[in-house]
Protein backbone atom coordinates (compact mmCIF):
# COMPACT_ATOMS: atom_id res chain seq x y z
CA MET A 1 99.39 91.76 85.45
CA SER A 2 100.56 92.31 81.87
CA VAL A 3 101.65 95.18 79.66
CA GLY A 4 98.34 94.93 77.83
CA ARG A 5 96.26 95.28 80.99
CA ILE A 6 98.32 98.25 82.17
CA LEU A 7 97.92 100.00 78.82
CA GLU A 8 94.22 99.15 78.81
CA GLY A 9 93.84 100.94 82.14
CA ALA A 10 95.83 103.95 80.90
CA PHE A 11 93.86 104.37 77.69
CA GLY A 12 90.67 103.56 79.56
CA LEU A 13 91.33 106.58 81.74
CA ILE A 14 91.28 108.82 78.65
CA ARG A 15 88.16 107.14 77.33
CA GLU A 16 86.14 107.03 80.55
CA ARG A 17 87.39 110.27 82.18
CA PHE A 18 87.55 112.35 79.03
CA ALA A 19 86.11 115.45 80.72
CA ALA A 20 88.79 115.33 83.43
CA VAL A 21 91.56 114.89 80.84
CA ALA A 22 90.15 117.88 78.95
CA VAL A 23 90.33 119.97 82.14
CA TRP A 24 93.97 118.91 82.72
CA THR A 25 94.76 119.86 79.14
CA GLY A 26 93.09 123.26 79.56
CA ILE A 27 95.05 123.98 82.74
CA TYR A 28 98.31 123.16 81.02
CA LEU A 29 97.32 125.29 78.01
CA VAL A 30 96.69 128.33 80.21
CA GLY A 31 99.99 127.83 82.01
CA ASN A 32 101.86 127.40 78.74
CA LEU A 33 100.38 130.57 77.24
CA VAL A 34 101.23 132.55 80.38
CA ILE A 35 104.84 131.35 80.19
CA LEU A 36 105.06 132.16 76.48
CA LEU A 37 103.83 135.71 77.07
CA ALA A 38 106.16 136.16 80.05
CA THR A 39 109.07 134.79 78.04
CA GLN A 40 108.35 137.18 75.18
CA GLN A 41 108.26 140.17 77.53
CA ALA A 42 111.36 138.99 79.42
CA LEU A 43 113.35 138.50 76.22
CA ALA A 44 112.35 141.96 75.04
CA ALA A 45 113.39 143.45 78.40
CA ALA A 46 116.66 141.51 78.37
CA THR A 47 117.41 142.71 74.84
CA ASP A 48 116.70 146.32 75.77
CA SER A 49 118.87 146.01 78.89
CA THR A 50 121.72 144.47 76.91
CA VAL A 51 121.57 147.26 74.34
CA ALA A 52 121.57 149.82 77.15
CA GLY A 53 124.55 148.12 78.77
CA ASP A 54 122.63 147.05 81.90
CA PRO A 55 124.56 144.19 83.61
CA GLY A 56 121.32 142.90 85.15
CA ALA A 57 119.85 141.83 81.82
CA ILE A 58 119.84 138.15 82.81
CA GLY A 59 117.72 138.99 85.84
CA ALA A 60 114.87 139.88 83.50
CA LEU A 61 114.42 136.14 82.86
CA ALA A 62 113.95 135.30 86.55
CA PRO A 63 110.13 135.48 86.38
CA VAL A 64 110.20 133.00 83.48
CA TYR A 65 112.20 130.52 85.55
CA ALA A 66 109.77 130.96 88.44
CA LEU A 67 106.77 130.39 86.17
CA ASN A 68 108.35 127.23 84.76
CA LEU A 69 108.83 125.95 88.30
CA VAL A 70 105.17 126.68 89.05
CA LEU A 71 104.11 124.87 85.87
CA ALA A 72 106.23 121.86 86.92
CA LEU A 73 104.41 121.80 90.26
CA VAL A 74 101.09 122.05 88.44
CA GLY A 75 102.20 119.08 86.35
CA LEU A 76 102.75 117.09 89.55
CA VAL A 77 99.24 118.00 90.72
CA LEU A 78 97.82 116.84 87.38
CA TYR A 79 99.84 113.61 87.55
CA THR A 80 98.45 112.96 91.02
CA ALA A 81 94.94 113.63 89.70
CA ALA A 82 95.47 111.03 86.97
CA MET A 83 96.51 108.44 89.55
CA ARG A 84 93.59 109.43 91.78
CA ALA A 85 91.17 108.85 88.89
CA VAL A 86 92.30 105.21 88.80
CA LEU A 87 92.75 104.59 92.51
CA ARG A 88 89.76 106.60 93.76
CA PRO A 89 87.29 106.76 90.85
CA GLU A 90 84.55 107.91 93.23
CA ALA A 91 86.45 111.16 93.93
CA GLY A 92 85.59 112.63 90.56
CA ARG A 93 84.54 116.14 91.51
CA MET A 94 86.78 118.96 90.25
CA ALA A 95 88.36 116.62 87.68
CA TYR A 96 90.09 114.69 90.50
CA LEU A 97 92.18 117.76 91.28
CA ARG A 98 93.17 118.45 94.86
CA LEU A 99 95.82 120.46 96.65
CA GLY A 100 96.59 118.85 99.97
CA MET A 101 98.66 116.25 101.78
CA ASP A 102 98.47 113.79 98.88
CA GLU A 103 100.21 116.28 96.62
CA LEU A 104 102.74 117.22 99.30
CA ARG A 105 103.66 113.58 99.77
CA GLN A 106 104.08 113.15 96.02
CA LEU A 107 106.35 116.21 95.91
CA ALA A 108 108.40 114.93 98.83
CA LEU A 109 108.80 111.53 97.13
CA LEU A 110 109.86 113.20 93.89
CA ILE A 111 112.48 115.33 95.65
CA LEU A 112 113.75 112.32 97.61
CA PHE A 113 114.16 110.11 94.55
CA ALA A 114 115.70 112.97 92.56
CA LEU A 115 118.32 113.53 95.26
CA ILE A 116 119.07 109.81 95.45
CA ALA A 117 119.40 109.65 91.65
CA VAL A 118 121.82 112.60 91.60
CA ILE A 119 123.91 111.06 94.39
CA LEU A 120 124.01 107.64 92.72
CA TRP A 121 124.79 109.16 89.32
CA THR A 122 127.62 111.21 90.84
CA ILE A 123 129.13 108.31 92.81
CA MET A 124 128.92 105.80 89.96
CA GLY A 125 130.04 108.36 87.40
CA PHE A 126 133.06 109.29 89.54
CA GLY A 127 133.94 105.65 90.14
CA PHE A 128 133.59 104.67 86.51
CA GLY A 129 135.49 107.78 85.51
CA LEU A 130 138.46 106.77 87.66
CA LEU A 131 138.28 103.25 86.23
CA SER A 132 138.18 104.64 82.69
CA VAL A 133 141.26 106.77 83.38
CA GLY A 134 143.03 103.71 84.72
CA VAL A 135 142.13 101.72 81.62
CA ALA A 136 143.30 104.57 79.39
CA VAL A 137 146.65 104.78 81.16
CA GLY A 138 147.08 101.01 81.23
CA THR A 139 146.13 100.24 77.63
CA GLN A 140 147.29 103.45 75.90
CA SER A 141 144.41 102.89 73.45
CA PRO A 142 142.00 105.81 72.96
CA LEU A 143 139.56 103.59 71.06
CA PHE A 144 139.41 100.94 73.79
CA SER A 145 139.17 103.59 76.49
CA GLY A 146 136.29 105.24 74.68
CA LEU A 147 134.53 101.89 74.36
CA VAL A 148 134.98 101.22 78.09
CA MET A 149 133.55 104.66 78.96
CA PHE A 150 130.59 104.07 76.66
CA VAL A 151 129.82 100.67 78.21
CA MET A 152 130.14 102.08 81.71
CA GLY A 153 127.83 104.94 80.82
CA LEU A 154 125.26 102.40 79.68
CA LEU A 155 125.69 100.50 82.95
CA VAL A 156 125.06 103.65 84.98
CA LEU A 157 121.97 104.39 82.92
CA ALA A 158 120.77 100.79 83.31
CA VAL A 159 121.11 101.00 87.11
CA ILE A 160 119.14 104.26 87.22
CA VAL A 161 116.39 102.84 84.98
CA PHE A 162 116.23 99.62 87.02
CA LEU A 163 115.84 101.49 90.31
CA THR A 164 113.33 103.91 88.76
CA ILE A 165 111.11 101.06 87.58
CA ARG A 166 111.42 99.07 90.81
CA PHE A 167 110.45 102.08 92.95
CA SER A 168 107.92 103.60 90.51
CA LEU A 169 105.00 102.05 92.41
CA ALA A 170 105.89 104.22 95.42
CA PHE A 171 103.92 107.12 93.94
CA PRO A 172 100.54 105.41 93.42
CA LEU A 173 100.92 103.34 96.59
CA THR A 174 101.65 106.48 98.62
CA LEU A 175 98.52 108.05 97.18
CA HIS A 176 96.48 104.92 97.87
CA ARG A 177 97.73 104.40 101.44
CA ARG A 178 97.78 108.12 102.30
CA GLN A 179 101.24 107.64 103.79
CA PHE A 180 104.75 107.25 102.44
CA VAL A 181 105.29 103.83 100.88
CA ILE A 182 108.74 102.90 99.62
CA GLY A 183 109.64 99.41 100.83
CA GLU A 184 106.33 97.93 99.67
CA ALA A 185 106.87 99.43 96.22
CA TRP A 186 110.14 97.49 95.93
CA THR A 187 108.49 94.31 97.21
CA LEU A 188 105.45 94.45 94.95
CA SER A 189 107.49 95.20 91.84
CA ARG A 190 109.66 92.11 92.39
CA GLY A 191 109.10 89.76 89.47
CA HIS A 192 107.27 92.45 87.47
CA PHE A 193 110.21 94.55 86.27
CA TRP A 194 109.89 93.72 82.59
CA THR A 195 106.13 94.19 82.64
CA LEU A 196 106.45 97.62 84.23
CA PHE A 197 109.36 98.49 81.96
CA GLY A 198 107.45 97.39 78.87
CA ALA A 199 104.43 99.52 79.74
CA ALA A 200 106.65 102.52 80.53
CA PHE A 201 108.55 102.04 77.27
CA VAL A 202 105.37 101.96 75.18
CA ILE A 203 104.02 105.07 76.92
CA SER A 204 107.37 106.84 76.43
CA VAL A 205 107.44 106.01 72.71
CA ILE A 206 103.88 107.31 72.30
CA GLY A 207 104.81 110.51 74.11
CA LEU A 208 107.96 110.94 72.01
CA VAL A 209 106.04 110.49 68.76
CA LEU A 210 103.43 113.05 69.83
CA VAL A 211 106.13 115.55 70.84
CA LEU A 212 107.92 115.09 67.52
CA LEU A 213 104.67 115.64 65.60
CA VAL A 214 103.92 118.87 67.46
CA SER A 215 107.55 120.01 67.20
CA SER A 216 107.71 119.38 63.47
CA PHE A 217 104.56 121.43 63.04
CA ALA A 218 105.87 124.19 65.32
CA LEU A 219 109.26 124.45 63.61
CA GLY A 220 107.75 124.48 60.13
CA SER A 221 110.41 124.63 57.42
CA TYR A 222 113.23 125.31 59.90
CA PHE A 223 115.04 121.99 59.42
CA SER A 224 114.66 122.01 55.64
CA ASP A 225 115.99 125.59 55.56
CA LEU A 226 118.94 124.53 57.72
CA MET A 227 119.73 121.66 55.36
CA ALA A 228 119.51 124.00 52.38
CA ALA A 229 121.92 126.38 54.10
CA ALA A 230 124.37 123.62 55.05
CA GLY A 231 127.97 124.61 54.39
CA ASP A 232 127.16 128.31 54.38
CA PRO A 233 127.67 129.79 57.88
CA ALA A 234 126.15 133.14 56.91
CA ALA A 235 122.99 131.52 55.50
CA THR A 236 122.72 129.23 58.55
CA GLU A 237 122.90 132.24 60.85
CA VAL A 238 120.16 133.98 58.88
CA VAL A 239 117.89 130.92 59.13
CA ALA A 240 118.52 130.59 62.88
CA GLN A 241 117.89 134.31 63.44
CA ALA A 242 114.64 134.15 61.48
CA GLN A 243 113.49 131.17 63.55
CA MET A 244 114.26 132.99 66.81
CA GLU A 245 112.34 136.05 65.70
CA THR A 246 109.35 133.93 64.68
CA ALA A 247 109.41 132.01 67.96
CA GLY A 248 109.46 135.25 69.93
CA GLN A 249 106.33 136.66 68.29
CA PHE A 250 102.91 136.09 69.81
CA SER A 251 100.69 134.98 66.94
CA VAL A 252 97.88 132.67 65.94
CA MET A 253 100.49 130.06 65.05
CA MET A 254 101.93 130.28 68.56
CA VAL A 255 98.48 129.71 70.05
CA VAL A 256 97.91 126.71 67.77
CA GLN A 257 101.30 125.29 68.78
CA SER A 258 100.44 125.83 72.44
CA ILE A 259 97.16 123.98 71.99
CA GLY A 260 99.03 121.09 70.37
CA GLY A 261 101.55 121.04 73.21
CA ALA A 262 98.76 121.13 75.80
CA LEU A 263 97.01 118.19 74.12
CA VAL A 264 100.22 116.18 74.21
CA ALA A 265 100.72 117.12 77.88
CA GLY A 266 97.15 116.12 78.79
CA ILE A 267 97.49 112.77 77.02
CA TRP A 268 100.90 112.18 78.56
CA VAL A 269 99.63 112.91 82.08
CA ALA A 270 96.70 110.55 81.61
CA LEU A 271 98.78 107.74 80.11
CA SER A 272 101.76 107.97 82.46
CA GLY A 273 99.79 108.54 85.66
CA GLY A 274 97.04 106.16 84.60
CA SER A 275 99.44 103.36 83.68
CA ILE A 276 101.44 103.32 86.93
CA ALA A 277 98.25 103.65 89.01
CA THR A 278 96.69 100.78 87.05
CA ALA A 279 99.77 98.64 87.71
CA ALA A 280 99.56 99.37 91.44
CA ARG A 281 95.84 98.64 91.50
CA LEU A 282 96.31 95.34 89.70
CA LEU A 283 98.87 94.29 92.30
CA VAL A 284 96.66 95.19 95.28
CA ASP A 285 93.28 94.56 93.62
CA ASN A 286 92.00 92.71 96.72
CA GLU A 287 91.90 96.07 98.51
CA PHE A 288 89.32 97.53 96.10
CA GLU A 289 85.66 96.67 96.32
CA ASP A 290 85.12 97.39 92.62
CA ALA A 291 88.22 95.51 91.40
CA GLU A 292 86.13 92.80 89.79
CA ASP A 293 84.06 95.35 87.84
CA ILE A 294 87.18 97.08 86.56
CA PHE A 295 89.57 94.21 85.89
CA GLY A 296 87.12 91.33 85.34
């Protein structure tokens, strides 16, 4: 297994299952447009309520939060479909989309790992915070204390990233086995951390670049206007207000931006889900009858 072979499988998913990726992109586009319309209506209702002195103005945004949660769940279904396209290529009907026990197990895994991450982050953050306070009191040096806190923050982040990579195979293996797989994910990833990390890093950079491209197009001249208004609070406020008003209007530009965002989301789902599923398949290739045809 190598970074190159993992990326080959991820990009191969886009090339060979282009129709499925297009369907995933279309689903995300519809969801994004629905949320944009709901957000526009909710903001208008919240503004009207605020003007009228209604204390429940914030409640007008509740449907938007609910829709975002639904879209996040849809994203998990799409991610599972991307892994299924690699692990079960014969199950191609309906663009590999399902809504059953596979998806429920993926959701349960996600919640479990999220809770563990929050607990670890809290415990380590609290411990390092106490240590940082002790260093600050002992050294009486704000600069040294700040440096210690920065290094400890990096250590906490490194631990979270390490555990995330080592357990990342749990998702495709759970889909492949049709049962929860956690210990085997840790075992199989032993000795492959840097390979998995390298592939994830490349995919993340690609996703970041695509997001920045779409964002720069969506924001238009916003940043250049902000720079031109630098040092003038009144001008800066005008620029920010104009941007908010533009963002809140449903227009052709908004649709184009949504299409761009949906394309990025579809590519991201295919690359991220396809890459981790490819890594899992490479590590258990003896369990697939067509492994030789796929991996050579």
